[in-house]
Protein backbone atom coordinates (compact mmCIF):
# COMPACT_ATOMS: atom_id res chain seq x y z
CA MET A 1 0.13 -0.03 -0.07
CA ALA A 2 1.41 3.43 -0.85
CA ARG A 3 2.29 5.66 1.79
CA ASN A 4 0.89 9.03 2.10
CA ILE A 5 3.15 12.21 1.73
CA GLN A 6 3.26 13.64 4.92
CA SER A 7 4.03 17.25 3.64
CA LEU A 8 0.87 17.31 1.53
CA GLU A 9 -1.38 15.93 4.33
CA ARG A 10 -0.12 18.89 6.64
CA ALA A 11 -0.68 21.48 3.89
CA ALA A 12 -4.35 20.07 3.48
CA ALA A 13 -4.71 20.13 7.12
CA MET A 14 -3.49 23.57 7.26
CA LEU A 15 -5.86 24.80 4.26
CA ARG A 16 -8.91 23.12 6.29
CA LEU A 17 -8.10 24.89 9.26
CA LEU A 18 -7.96 28.44 7.65
CA ALA A 19 -11.28 27.49 5.88
CA GLY A 20 -13.02 27.09 9.21
CA GLY A 21 -13.32 29.02 12.33
CA GLU A 22 -11.45 32.44 12.48
CA ARG A 23 -11.18 34.15 9.08
CA ARG A 24 -7.25 34.82 9.77
CA LEU A 25 -4.71 32.99 12.07
CA GLY A 26 -1.06 33.68 13.23
CA LEU A 27 1.82 31.31 12.77
CA SER A 28 1.63 30.28 16.36
CA ASP A 29 -2.01 29.42 16.32
CA ILE A 30 -1.58 27.49 13.22
CA ALA A 31 1.43 25.71 14.46
CA SER A 32 -0.10 24.57 17.84
CA SER A 33 -3.44 23.61 16.37
CA LEU A 34 -1.95 21.13 13.97
CA GLY A 35 0.97 20.06 16.54
CA LEU A 36 3.81 21.35 14.17
CA ALA A 37 7.06 23.17 15.14
CA LYS A 38 6.88 26.73 14.07
CA GLY A 39 9.68 26.24 11.41
CA THR A 40 7.73 23.39 9.80
CA ALA A 41 4.52 25.26 9.77
CA HIS A 42 6.14 28.42 8.47
CA GLY A 43 7.79 26.61 5.58
CA ILE A 44 4.41 25.12 4.49
CA LEU A 45 2.89 28.37 4.74
CA ARG A 46 5.35 30.00 2.62
CA THR A 47 4.98 27.59 0.05
CA LEU A 48 1.39 27.68 -0.06
CA GLN A 49 1.72 31.46 -0.13
CA GLN A 50 3.95 31.35 -3.21
CA GLU A 51 1.36 29.00 -4.98
CA GLY A 52 -1.37 31.66 -4.16
CA PHE A 53 -3.45 29.28 -2.02
CA VAL A 54 -2.60 31.27 1.48
CA GLU A 55 -2.09 35.09 1.83
CA GLN A 56 -0.76 36.90 4.71
CA ASP A 57 -1.93 40.20 6.07
CA THR A 58 0.65 42.83 5.72
CA ALA A 59 -0.50 44.56 8.83
CA SER A 60 -1.15 41.64 11.28
CA GLY A 61 1.12 39.04 9.88
CA ARG A 62 -1.84 36.53 9.94
CA TYR A 63 -2.62 34.10 7.16
CA GLN A 64 -5.93 33.58 5.36
CA LEU A 65 -6.85 31.52 2.27
CA GLY A 66 -5.76 32.94 -1.07
CA ALA A 67 -7.43 33.81 -4.35
CA GLU A 68 -5.89 30.74 -6.05
CA LEU A 69 -8.43 28.40 -3.92
CA LEU A 70 -11.29 30.56 -5.87
CA ARG A 71 -10.06 29.38 -9.35
CA LEU A 72 -9.79 26.01 -8.10
CA GLY A 73 -13.43 26.04 -6.77
CA THR A 74 -14.74 27.67 -9.80
CA THR A 75 -13.33 24.93 -11.96
CA TYR A 76 -15.38 22.41 -10.00
CA LEU A 77 -18.13 23.95 -12.11
CA ASP A 78 -17.49 22.04 -15.32
CA VAL A 79 -17.28 24.56 -18.37
CA HIS A 80 -19.70 22.24 -20.18
CA GLU A 81 -22.35 22.63 -17.48
CA LEU A 82 -22.12 26.57 -17.68
CA ARG A 83 -22.28 26.18 -21.69
CA ALA A 84 -25.19 23.95 -21.29
CA ARG A 85 -27.03 26.15 -18.79
CA ALA A 86 -26.51 29.11 -21.09
CA LEU A 87 -27.45 27.60 -24.55
CA VAL A 88 -31.09 28.49 -24.58
CA TRP A 89 -30.42 32.18 -23.12
CA THR A 90 -27.42 33.05 -25.44
CA ASP A 91 -29.62 31.77 -28.55
CA ASP A 92 -32.31 34.36 -27.23
CA LEU A 93 -29.83 36.98 -26.77
CA ALA A 94 -28.55 36.77 -30.31
CA ARG A 95 -32.07 36.75 -31.64
CA SER A 96 -33.27 39.88 -29.67
CA SER A 97 -30.13 41.87 -30.03
CA GLY A 98 -29.24 40.81 -33.67
CA GLU A 99 -25.51 40.40 -32.57
CA SER A 100 -22.92 37.75 -31.95
CA VAL A 101 -22.95 36.47 -28.56
CA TYR A 102 -19.99 35.05 -26.57
CA LEU A 103 -19.41 33.18 -23.27
CA GLY A 104 -16.05 33.24 -21.67
CA VAL A 105 -14.23 32.15 -18.79
CA LEU A 106 -11.13 33.13 -17.12
CA HIS A 107 -7.99 30.90 -18.56
CA GLN A 108 -4.48 31.85 -17.63
CA GLN A 109 -4.12 35.70 -18.37
CA GLY A 110 -7.00 35.88 -20.70
CA VAL A 111 -10.64 35.27 -21.59
CA LEU A 112 -11.32 31.76 -23.10
CA ILE A 113 -14.35 31.71 -25.41
CA VAL A 114 -16.59 28.64 -24.70
CA HIS A 115 -19.49 29.33 -26.55
CA HIS A 116 -20.16 31.40 -29.54
CA VAL A 117 -23.73 32.13 -31.17
CA PHE A 118 -23.57 33.73 -34.56
CA ARG A 119 -25.04 36.98 -35.57
CA PRO A 120 -28.56 35.98 -36.96
CA ASP A 121 -28.11 36.99 -40.48
CA ASP A 122 -26.58 35.67 -43.78
CA SER A 123 -23.01 37.23 -43.29
CA ARG A 124 -19.96 35.01 -43.41
CA GLN A 125 -18.75 34.30 -39.81
CA VAL A 126 -16.11 32.41 -38.18
CA LEU A 127 -16.65 30.18 -35.01
CA GLU A 128 -14.33 31.52 -32.32
CA VAL A 129 -14.99 28.78 -29.56
CA GLY A 130 -11.51 28.22 -28.31
CA ALA A 131 -10.12 31.68 -28.97
CA MET A 132 -8.56 33.85 -26.46
CA GLN A 133 -9.33 37.52 -25.72
CA PRO A 134 -7.56 40.13 -23.58
CA LEU A 135 -8.68 40.75 -19.83
CA HIS A 136 -7.78 44.55 -19.76
CA SER A 137 -9.77 45.64 -23.11
CA THR A 138 -12.55 43.52 -23.84
CA ALA A 139 -15.92 43.89 -22.19
CA LEU A 140 -15.77 40.09 -21.07
CA GLY A 141 -12.31 40.54 -19.54
CA LYS A 142 -13.34 43.72 -17.80
CA VAL A 143 -16.17 41.84 -16.20
CA LEU A 144 -14.10 39.06 -15.09
CA SER A 145 -11.42 41.37 -13.69
CA ALA A 146 -13.92 43.37 -11.78
CA TYR A 147 -15.74 40.41 -10.22
CA ASP A 148 -13.16 37.58 -10.03
CA PRO A 149 -10.27 38.26 -7.53
CA VAL A 150 -8.19 35.94 -9.43
CA ALA A 151 -8.79 37.52 -12.80
CA HIS A 152 -7.91 40.78 -11.07
CA SER A 153 -4.56 39.64 -9.94
CA GLU A 154 -3.93 38.42 -13.34
CA VAL A 155 -4.78 41.52 -15.35
CA LEU A 156 -2.48 43.73 -12.89
CA GLU A 157 0.31 41.31 -13.44
CA ALA A 158 -0.20 41.02 -17.22
CA GLU A 159 1.06 43.58 -19.97
CA ARG A 160 -2.07 45.63 -20.72
CA LYS A 161 -1.10 46.30 -24.33
CA PRO A 162 -2.79 49.25 -26.23
CA PHE A 163 -4.51 47.83 -29.24
CA THR A 164 -6.11 50.96 -30.27
CA PRO A 165 -6.04 54.67 -29.02
CA ARG A 166 -8.99 54.04 -26.91
CA THR A 167 -7.30 50.95 -24.91
CA ILE A 168 -7.02 51.92 -21.22
CA SER A 169 -3.75 50.60 -20.12
CA GLU A 170 -2.59 52.89 -17.21
CA LEU A 171 -3.46 51.24 -13.59
CA GLU A 172 -5.16 53.97 -11.80
CA GLN A 173 -7.65 54.71 -14.76
CA PHE A 174 -8.15 50.87 -15.28
CA GLU A 175 -8.90 50.38 -11.66
CA HIS A 176 -11.39 53.13 -11.88
CA VAL A 177 -12.98 51.48 -14.99
CA LEU A 178 -13.36 48.14 -12.86
CA ASP A 179 -15.17 50.26 -10.10
CA ILE A 180 -17.63 51.64 -12.49
CA THR A 181 -18.20 48.10 -13.79
CA ARG A 182 -18.95 46.72 -10.39
CA ALA A 183 -21.28 49.55 -9.61
CA ARG A 184 -23.33 49.34 -13.04
CA GLY A 185 -23.10 45.56 -13.41
CA TYR A 186 -21.81 45.59 -16.94
CA ALA A 187 -18.59 46.33 -18.87
CA ALA A 188 -18.12 48.08 -22.16
CA ASP A 189 -15.47 48.00 -24.93
CA VAL A 190 -16.03 50.72 -27.54
CA GLU A 191 -13.33 50.30 -29.98
CA GLU A 192 -10.66 49.62 -27.29
CA THR A 193 -9.77 46.12 -28.66
CA TRP A 194 -10.68 46.38 -32.30
CA THR A 195 -11.52 49.57 -34.38
CA GLY A 196 -15.07 49.80 -35.41
CA VAL A 197 -16.18 47.15 -32.98
CA ALA A 198 -18.11 47.67 -29.76
CA SER A 199 -19.18 45.11 -26.93
CA VAL A 200 -21.03 44.82 -23.74
CA ALA A 201 -20.84 41.90 -21.18
CA ALA A 202 -22.19 41.19 -17.67
CA PRO A 203 -21.27 38.48 -15.19
CA ILE A 204 -22.67 35.13 -14.43
CA HIS A 205 -22.37 33.65 -10.83
CA ASP A 206 -23.13 30.26 -9.50
CA ARG A 207 -24.89 28.85 -6.36
CA ARG A 208 -22.33 30.29 -4.18
CA ARG A 209 -22.69 33.72 -5.76
CA MET A 210 -19.30 33.14 -7.26
CA PRO A 211 -18.33 34.60 -10.70
CA VAL A 212 -17.77 31.81 -13.09
CA GLY A 213 -17.92 33.47 -16.38
CA ALA A 214 -19.31 36.42 -18.44
CA VAL A 215 -21.59 36.78 -21.56
CA GLY A 216 -21.86 39.66 -23.87
CA ILE A 217 -22.49 40.65 -27.28
CA THR A 218 -20.12 42.21 -29.84
CA GLY A 219 -20.79 43.94 -33.01
CA ALA A 220 -20.28 47.21 -35.34
CA VAL A 221 -19.98 50.40 -33.36
CA GLU A 222 -22.81 51.83 -35.59
CA ARG A 223 -25.47 49.07 -34.48
CA VAL A 224 -24.05 48.56 -30.79
CA CYS A 225 -23.85 52.37 -29.98
CA GLN A 226 -25.91 55.41 -30.52
CA ASP A 227 -24.35 58.89 -30.37
CA GLY A 228 -21.19 57.40 -28.73
CA GLU A 229 -22.90 55.50 -26.10
CA LEU A 230 -23.93 51.75 -25.80
CA ARG A 231 -27.61 51.12 -26.64
CA PRO A 232 -29.84 50.78 -23.42
CA GLU A 233 -31.66 48.19 -24.84
CA LEU A 234 -28.74 45.95 -25.47
CA ILE A 235 -27.30 46.61 -22.03
CA ALA A 236 -30.49 45.48 -20.49
CA ALA A 237 -30.77 42.45 -22.68
CA VAL A 238 -27.14 41.17 -21.98
CA ARG A 239 -27.82 41.78 -18.09
CA ASP A 240 -31.05 39.96 -18.44
CA CYS A 241 -29.26 36.97 -19.87
CA ALA A 242 -26.60 36.83 -17.49
CA ARG A 243 -29.05 36.86 -14.63
CA ALA A 244 -30.98 33.94 -16.47
CA VAL A 245 -27.89 31.80 -16.70
CA SER A 246 -26.83 32.67 -12.94
CA ARG A 247 -30.38 31.54 -11.90
CA ASP A 248 -30.16 28.33 -13.78
CA LEU A 249 -26.85 27.72 -12.00
CA GLY A 250 -28.41 28.14 -8.66
CA ALA A 251 -27.56 31.70 -7.99
CA GLY A 252 -30.84 32.93 -7.06
CA ARG A 253 -32.10 36.57 -7.84
CA PHE A 254 -29.64 39.29 -8.37
């Protein structure tokens, strides 16, 4: 019979300890609770911290669970389930808006397109399932960056490349955009990624109210915008779609 790896057992016990009881624990508390020497506990905590599973509060020095665990938790929700729950609603959104619809999830330092509904006309279109979009300039990416702490960390570390003169790359201004996104519940991309193209997207949440993806529409500026602003009816349609998918995932009423 294979022997368990003691260091992994201790790390798992440490994560369980941090997940229950007090939100933050000091090194002494963790070591004594698990019956470990402080040096041993500190070594495990340092490794977990480097991997993003644990974070240390700079003011108190206490430890808490890190954002990387959110990434692992959200992947428990199979992308195929997310896509299956969104099929009907994204088809309806494409019909009502007359534009292409995209469903995206966080993947590495970008947005992975997991579902794409063609614009309902006879124009030639290319299926973009599996394509990657940037986090900092697209509507889908801004939504994920605003609501998902892991995506937020990723976008801060990534190169925020200017694709057009309208791309927001400077950190303070970008954080302000994320604040606006959270306040109004949707994100916009008006020629920030592609000249002549505009998008609007909203977040999708699961039963734990955790962000698991984003849904949005993309089309020509002259169709998606009016007088330089996103059309209100399209914003409402995208938000309604996101709420409907979230409800189907068990998130309840938003």
